[in-house]
Amino acid sequence: MDISASLVAGLLIALLAIFTVIRAVRIVPQARARNVERLGRYHKTLTPGLNLVIPYIDRVHPQIDLREQVVSFKPQPVITEDNLVVEIDTVLYFQVTDRVRPSTRSPASSRRWSS
C-alpha cells in the first residue's frame, strides 16, 4: 500500500509541475500583443514570440490585434444641398497604437475621461 500511495503522490506532483510550466510559457503570434497584470495592476506587455510569466500571480489578458481593422457600414440615404437623395457607403479604418489601454485602465485615461 505504501508504494501505491507514494506513486499517486508523485504522479500528482508531476502533473502539477507540468501544469505550472504550461501556464508559465506564453507564445504571442506576430502582429499581436498581450497585457499582463500582476496582482491586479498592469505589469508589462508581452511582445510577439516566446514569453515567460509567473503562474498563479500574473494574469494574462486576451490578445490585442495590432493590425489595421476595417469596419464597413450599410449604405445610408443622405439628402444633399440641392434636395437629391444619395446613398453613401461608410468605411472606418482603425489601428491600436497604445497597447496598454485596450485592456487596462491606466491613470492617464481615467483622468482624461473623468467628468
N, C-alpha and C. Protein backbone atom coordinates (compact mmCIF):
# COMPACT_ATOMS: atom_id res chain seq x y z
N MET A 1 0.80 -1.20 0.00
CA MET A 1 0.00 0.00 0.00
C MET A 1 0.84 1.26 0.00
N ASP A 2 1.99 1.23 0.65
CA ASP A 2 2.84 2.40 0.71
C ASP A 2 3.38 2.80 -0.66
N ILE A 3 3.69 1.82 -1.48
CA ILE A 3 4.24 2.10 -2.81
C ILE A 3 3.19 2.76 -3.69
N SER A 4 1.96 2.30 -3.64
CA SER A 4 0.91 2.88 -4.47
C SER A 4 0.57 4.31 -4.02
N ALA A 5 0.60 4.58 -2.72
CA ALA A 5 0.32 5.93 -2.23
C ALA A 5 1.42 6.90 -2.65
N SER A 6 2.68 6.45 -2.57
CA SER A 6 3.77 7.33 -3.00
C SER A 6 3.77 7.50 -4.52
N LEU A 7 3.32 6.50 -5.25
CA LEU A 7 3.22 6.60 -6.71
C LEU A 7 2.15 7.62 -7.10
N VAL A 8 1.01 7.59 -6.42
CA VAL A 8 -0.06 8.55 -6.70
C VAL A 8 0.39 9.96 -6.33
N ALA A 9 1.06 10.11 -5.20
CA ALA A 9 1.55 11.42 -4.78
C ALA A 9 2.58 11.95 -5.78
N GLY A 10 3.47 11.10 -6.23
CA GLY A 10 4.47 11.50 -7.22
C GLY A 10 3.83 11.89 -8.54
N LEU A 11 2.79 11.15 -8.93
CA LEU A 11 2.08 11.46 -10.17
C LEU A 11 1.35 12.81 -10.06
N LEU A 12 0.75 13.08 -8.92
CA LEU A 12 0.08 14.37 -8.71
C LEU A 12 1.07 15.54 -8.73
N ILE A 13 2.23 15.34 -8.12
CA ILE A 13 3.26 16.39 -8.12
C ILE A 13 3.77 16.62 -9.55
N ALA A 14 3.95 15.56 -10.31
CA ALA A 14 4.41 15.69 -11.70
C ALA A 14 3.36 16.42 -12.55
N LEU A 15 2.08 16.09 -12.37
CA LEU A 15 1.02 16.77 -13.11
C LEU A 15 0.95 18.25 -12.75
N LEU A 16 1.12 18.57 -11.46
CA LEU A 16 1.12 19.97 -11.03
C LEU A 16 2.30 20.73 -11.63
N ALA A 17 3.46 20.08 -11.69
CA ALA A 17 4.64 20.72 -12.28
C ALA A 17 4.44 20.96 -13.77
N ILE A 18 3.88 20.00 -14.49
CA ILE A 18 3.62 20.16 -15.93
C ILE A 18 2.60 21.27 -16.15
N PHE A 19 1.55 21.30 -15.37
CA PHE A 19 0.53 22.34 -15.49
C PHE A 19 1.12 23.72 -15.22
N THR A 20 2.01 23.84 -14.24
CA THR A 20 2.65 25.11 -13.91
C THR A 20 3.54 25.59 -15.05
N VAL A 21 4.29 24.69 -15.66
CA VAL A 21 5.15 25.06 -16.79
C VAL A 21 4.30 25.50 -17.97
N ILE A 22 3.19 24.84 -18.23
CA ILE A 22 2.31 25.22 -19.34
C ILE A 22 1.73 26.61 -19.10
N ARG A 23 1.38 26.93 -17.86
CA ARG A 23 0.84 28.26 -17.56
C ARG A 23 1.90 29.34 -17.58
N ALA A 24 3.18 28.98 -17.40
CA ALA A 24 4.26 29.96 -17.36
C ALA A 24 4.72 30.38 -18.75
N VAL A 25 4.56 29.53 -19.75
CA VAL A 25 5.05 29.82 -21.09
C VAL A 25 3.88 30.35 -21.93
N ARG A 26 4.06 31.54 -22.51
CA ARG A 26 3.04 32.14 -23.38
C ARG A 26 3.67 32.46 -24.72
N ILE A 27 3.05 32.01 -25.80
CA ILE A 27 3.51 32.30 -27.15
C ILE A 27 2.54 33.30 -27.76
N VAL A 28 3.07 34.44 -28.18
CA VAL A 28 2.26 35.51 -28.77
C VAL A 28 2.56 35.54 -30.27
N PRO A 29 1.53 35.43 -31.12
CA PRO A 29 1.76 35.48 -32.57
C PRO A 29 2.19 36.88 -33.04
N GLN A 30 2.71 36.91 -34.26
CA GLN A 30 3.14 38.17 -34.84
C GLN A 30 1.95 39.12 -35.01
N ALA A 31 2.18 40.43 -34.87
CA ALA A 31 1.18 41.49 -35.01
C ALA A 31 0.11 41.41 -33.93
N ARG A 32 0.45 40.84 -32.79
CA ARG A 32 -0.46 40.78 -31.66
C ARG A 32 0.32 41.12 -30.40
N ALA A 33 -0.39 41.44 -29.33
CA ALA A 33 0.23 41.73 -28.04
C ALA A 33 -0.72 41.26 -26.95
N ARG A 34 -0.17 41.02 -25.77
CA ARG A 34 -0.98 40.63 -24.62
C ARG A 34 -0.48 41.40 -23.41
N ASN A 35 -1.40 41.94 -22.63
CA ASN A 35 -1.05 42.67 -21.42
C ASN A 35 -1.08 41.73 -20.23
N VAL A 36 -0.18 42.00 -19.29
CA VAL A 36 -0.05 41.17 -18.08
C VAL A 36 -0.35 42.04 -16.87
N GLU A 37 -1.21 41.54 -16.01
CA GLU A 37 -1.46 42.17 -14.71
C GLU A 37 -0.82 41.32 -13.64
N ARG A 38 -0.08 41.97 -12.76
CA ARG A 38 0.49 41.26 -11.63
C ARG A 38 -0.21 41.74 -10.37
N LEU A 39 -0.96 40.85 -9.74
CA LEU A 39 -1.72 41.15 -8.54
C LEU A 39 -2.68 42.32 -8.75
N GLY A 40 -3.31 42.38 -9.94
CA GLY A 40 -4.35 43.35 -10.21
C GLY A 40 -3.89 44.65 -10.83
N ARG A 41 -2.59 44.85 -11.02
CA ARG A 41 -2.09 46.10 -11.63
C ARG A 41 -1.31 45.76 -12.88
N TYR A 42 -1.32 46.69 -13.85
CA TYR A 42 -0.59 46.48 -15.09
C TYR A 42 0.89 46.27 -14.78
N HIS A 43 1.47 45.23 -15.40
CA HIS A 43 2.89 44.93 -15.17
C HIS A 43 3.71 45.13 -16.44
N LYS A 44 3.30 44.48 -17.53
CA LYS A 44 4.06 44.60 -18.78
C LYS A 44 3.20 44.14 -19.95
N THR A 45 3.72 44.37 -21.16
CA THR A 45 3.07 43.92 -22.38
C THR A 45 3.93 42.84 -23.00
N LEU A 46 3.32 41.70 -23.30
CA LEU A 46 4.04 40.61 -23.95
C LEU A 46 4.14 40.90 -25.44
N THR A 47 5.35 40.85 -25.97
CA THR A 47 5.59 41.10 -27.38
C THR A 47 5.54 39.78 -28.14
N PRO A 48 5.47 39.83 -29.48
CA PRO A 48 5.43 38.59 -30.26
C PRO A 48 6.64 37.70 -29.97
N GLY A 49 6.38 36.42 -29.88
CA GLY A 49 7.43 35.44 -29.60
C GLY A 49 7.13 34.68 -28.33
N LEU A 50 8.17 34.06 -27.79
CA LEU A 50 8.06 33.26 -26.57
C LEU A 50 8.23 34.16 -25.35
N ASN A 51 7.31 34.10 -24.42
CA ASN A 51 7.36 34.92 -23.21
C ASN A 51 7.14 34.03 -21.99
N LEU A 52 7.73 34.44 -20.87
CA LEU A 52 7.55 33.74 -19.61
C LEU A 52 6.84 34.65 -18.61
N VAL A 53 5.87 34.11 -17.91
CA VAL A 53 5.17 34.84 -16.86
C VAL A 53 5.20 34.00 -15.59
N ILE A 54 4.88 34.62 -14.48
CA ILE A 54 4.84 33.89 -13.21
C ILE A 54 3.43 33.32 -13.05
N PRO A 55 3.29 31.99 -13.10
CA PRO A 55 1.94 31.42 -12.99
C PRO A 55 1.35 31.66 -11.61
N TYR A 56 0.03 31.74 -11.57
CA TYR A 56 -0.77 31.93 -10.36
C TYR A 56 -0.66 33.35 -9.79
N ILE A 57 0.29 34.17 -10.24
CA ILE A 57 0.41 35.55 -9.77
C ILE A 57 0.06 36.51 -10.90
N ASP A 58 0.57 36.22 -12.11
CA ASP A 58 0.29 37.06 -13.27
C ASP A 58 -0.99 36.62 -13.96
N ARG A 59 -1.76 37.60 -14.40
CA ARG A 59 -2.97 37.33 -15.19
C ARG A 59 -2.75 37.90 -16.58
N VAL A 60 -2.84 37.04 -17.59
CA VAL A 60 -2.60 37.45 -18.97
C VAL A 60 -3.94 37.72 -19.64
N HIS A 61 -4.09 38.94 -20.18
CA HIS A 61 -5.31 39.33 -20.86
C HIS A 61 -5.37 38.72 -22.26
N PRO A 62 -6.55 38.69 -22.88
CA PRO A 62 -6.66 38.17 -24.25
C PRO A 62 -5.81 38.99 -25.23
N GLN A 63 -5.57 38.40 -26.39
CA GLN A 63 -4.72 39.04 -27.39
C GLN A 63 -5.32 40.32 -27.93
N ILE A 64 -4.44 41.29 -28.23
CA ILE A 64 -4.83 42.55 -28.86
C ILE A 64 -4.29 42.50 -30.28
N ASP A 65 -5.16 42.68 -31.26
CA ASP A 65 -4.74 42.65 -32.66
C ASP A 65 -4.20 44.03 -33.03
N LEU A 66 -2.94 44.09 -33.45
CA LEU A 66 -2.29 45.36 -33.77
C LEU A 66 -2.38 45.71 -35.25
N ARG A 67 -3.02 44.86 -36.03
CA ARG A 67 -3.16 45.15 -37.46
C ARG A 67 -4.28 46.17 -37.67
N GLU A 68 -4.29 46.75 -38.86
CA GLU A 68 -5.34 47.70 -39.20
C GLU A 68 -6.66 46.96 -39.37
N GLN A 69 -7.71 47.46 -38.74
CA GLN A 69 -9.03 46.84 -38.81
C GLN A 69 -9.94 47.66 -39.71
N VAL A 70 -10.84 46.99 -40.42
CA VAL A 70 -11.77 47.66 -41.31
C VAL A 70 -13.19 47.31 -40.89
N VAL A 71 -14.02 48.35 -40.70
CA VAL A 71 -15.43 48.15 -40.37
C VAL A 71 -16.24 48.90 -41.41
N SER A 72 -17.10 48.19 -42.12
CA SER A 72 -17.94 48.86 -43.11
C SER A 72 -19.39 48.88 -42.61
N PHE A 73 -20.09 49.93 -42.97
CA PHE A 73 -21.48 50.11 -42.56
C PHE A 73 -22.37 50.02 -43.80
N LYS A 74 -23.61 49.64 -43.60
CA LYS A 74 -24.52 49.53 -44.73
C LYS A 74 -24.80 50.91 -45.33
N PRO A 75 -25.14 50.99 -46.62
CA PRO A 75 -25.39 52.28 -47.26
C PRO A 75 -26.51 53.06 -46.56
N GLN A 76 -26.29 54.36 -46.42
CA GLN A 76 -27.24 55.24 -45.76
C GLN A 76 -27.74 56.30 -46.74
N PRO A 77 -29.06 56.55 -46.79
CA PRO A 77 -29.55 57.63 -47.66
C PRO A 77 -29.27 59.00 -47.04
N VAL A 78 -28.79 59.91 -47.88
CA VAL A 78 -28.45 61.26 -47.43
C VAL A 78 -29.07 62.25 -48.41
N ILE A 79 -29.63 63.33 -47.88
CA ILE A 79 -30.20 64.39 -48.73
C ILE A 79 -29.13 65.46 -48.92
N THR A 80 -28.83 65.77 -50.17
CA THR A 80 -27.81 66.78 -50.47
C THR A 80 -28.40 68.18 -50.39
N GLU A 81 -27.55 69.17 -50.63
CA GLU A 81 -27.96 70.57 -50.56
C GLU A 81 -29.02 70.91 -51.61
N ASP A 82 -28.95 70.26 -52.78
CA ASP A 82 -29.92 70.54 -53.84
C ASP A 82 -31.06 69.50 -53.85
N ASN A 83 -31.38 68.92 -52.69
CA ASN A 83 -32.51 68.01 -52.47
C ASN A 83 -32.46 66.73 -53.30
N LEU A 84 -31.29 66.19 -53.49
CA LEU A 84 -31.14 64.87 -54.11
C LEU A 84 -30.88 63.86 -53.02
N VAL A 85 -31.46 62.68 -53.18
CA VAL A 85 -31.21 61.60 -52.23
C VAL A 85 -30.12 60.72 -52.80
N VAL A 86 -29.04 60.60 -52.05
CA VAL A 86 -27.88 59.82 -52.47
C VAL A 86 -27.55 58.83 -51.35
N GLU A 87 -27.19 57.63 -51.73
CA GLU A 87 -26.76 56.66 -50.72
C GLU A 87 -25.25 56.71 -50.61
N ILE A 88 -24.76 56.78 -49.39
CA ILE A 88 -23.32 56.79 -49.19
C ILE A 88 -22.89 55.53 -48.45
N ASP A 89 -21.71 55.05 -48.79
CA ASP A 89 -21.10 53.92 -48.10
C ASP A 89 -20.06 54.47 -47.14
N THR A 90 -20.03 53.93 -45.94
CA THR A 90 -19.09 54.39 -44.94
C THR A 90 -18.17 53.24 -44.55
N VAL A 91 -16.89 53.54 -44.52
CA VAL A 91 -15.88 52.56 -44.12
C VAL A 91 -15.01 53.21 -43.06
N LEU A 92 -14.77 52.50 -41.97
CA LEU A 92 -13.96 53.01 -40.87
C LEU A 92 -12.71 52.15 -40.76
N TYR A 93 -11.54 52.79 -40.78
CA TYR A 93 -10.27 52.11 -40.58
C TYR A 93 -9.72 52.51 -39.23
N PHE A 94 -9.26 51.53 -38.43
CA PHE A 94 -8.63 51.87 -37.16
C PHE A 94 -7.54 50.88 -36.83
N GLN A 95 -6.61 51.34 -35.98
CA GLN A 95 -5.49 50.50 -35.58
C GLN A 95 -5.13 50.85 -34.14
N VAL A 96 -4.81 49.84 -33.35
CA VAL A 96 -4.41 50.05 -31.96
C VAL A 96 -2.96 50.54 -31.96
N THR A 97 -2.72 51.69 -31.34
CA THR A 97 -1.37 52.22 -31.26
C THR A 97 -0.81 52.16 -29.85
N ASP A 98 -1.66 52.27 -28.83
CA ASP A 98 -1.23 52.16 -27.44
C ASP A 98 -1.66 50.79 -26.93
N ARG A 99 -0.71 49.92 -26.68
CA ARG A 99 -1.02 48.53 -26.33
C ARG A 99 -1.58 48.37 -24.92
N VAL A 100 -1.41 49.36 -24.08
CA VAL A 100 -1.82 49.23 -22.68
C VAL A 100 -3.31 49.51 -22.51
N ARG A 101 -3.83 50.52 -23.17
CA ARG A 101 -5.19 50.99 -22.91
C ARG A 101 -6.33 50.08 -23.35
N PRO A 102 -6.21 49.24 -24.38
CA PRO A 102 -7.39 48.43 -24.74
C PRO A 102 -7.86 47.49 -23.64
N SER A 103 -6.96 46.99 -22.80
CA SER A 103 -7.40 46.02 -21.80
C SER A 103 -7.26 46.50 -20.37
N THR A 104 -6.53 47.58 -20.14
CA THR A 104 -6.38 48.08 -18.77
C THR A 104 -6.82 49.52 -18.71
N ARG A 105 -7.06 49.99 -17.54
CA ARG A 105 -7.47 51.37 -17.35
C ARG A 105 -6.31 52.10 -16.71
N SER A 106 -5.49 52.77 -17.51
CA SER A 106 -4.32 53.47 -16.99
C SER A 106 -4.75 54.77 -16.32
N PRO A 107 -3.93 55.33 -15.44
CA PRO A 107 -4.28 56.59 -14.78
C PRO A 107 -4.48 57.73 -15.76
N ALA A 108 -3.73 57.76 -16.85
CA ALA A 108 -3.89 58.83 -17.83
C ALA A 108 -5.27 58.79 -18.48
N SER A 109 -5.76 57.60 -18.78
CA SER A 109 -7.08 57.51 -19.41
C SER A 109 -8.19 57.84 -18.42
N SER A 110 -8.02 57.51 -17.14
CA SER A 110 -9.07 57.83 -16.17
C SER A 110 -9.14 59.33 -15.91
N ARG A 111 -8.00 60.02 -15.95
CA ARG A 111 -8.02 61.49 -15.79
C ARG A 111 -8.65 62.13 -17.00
N ARG A 112 -8.39 61.58 -18.15
CA ARG A 112 -8.88 62.17 -19.39
C ARG A 112 -10.39 62.08 -19.50
N TRP A 113 -10.98 60.96 -19.07
CA TRP A 113 -12.41 60.72 -19.26
C TRP A 113 -13.24 61.04 -18.02
N SER A 114 -12.62 61.48 -16.95
CA SER A 114 -13.43 61.78 -15.76
C SER A 114 -14.22 63.07 -15.97
N SER A 115 -15.39 63.12 -15.36
CA SER A 115 -16.25 64.30 -15.55
C SER A 115 -16.16 65.25 -14.40
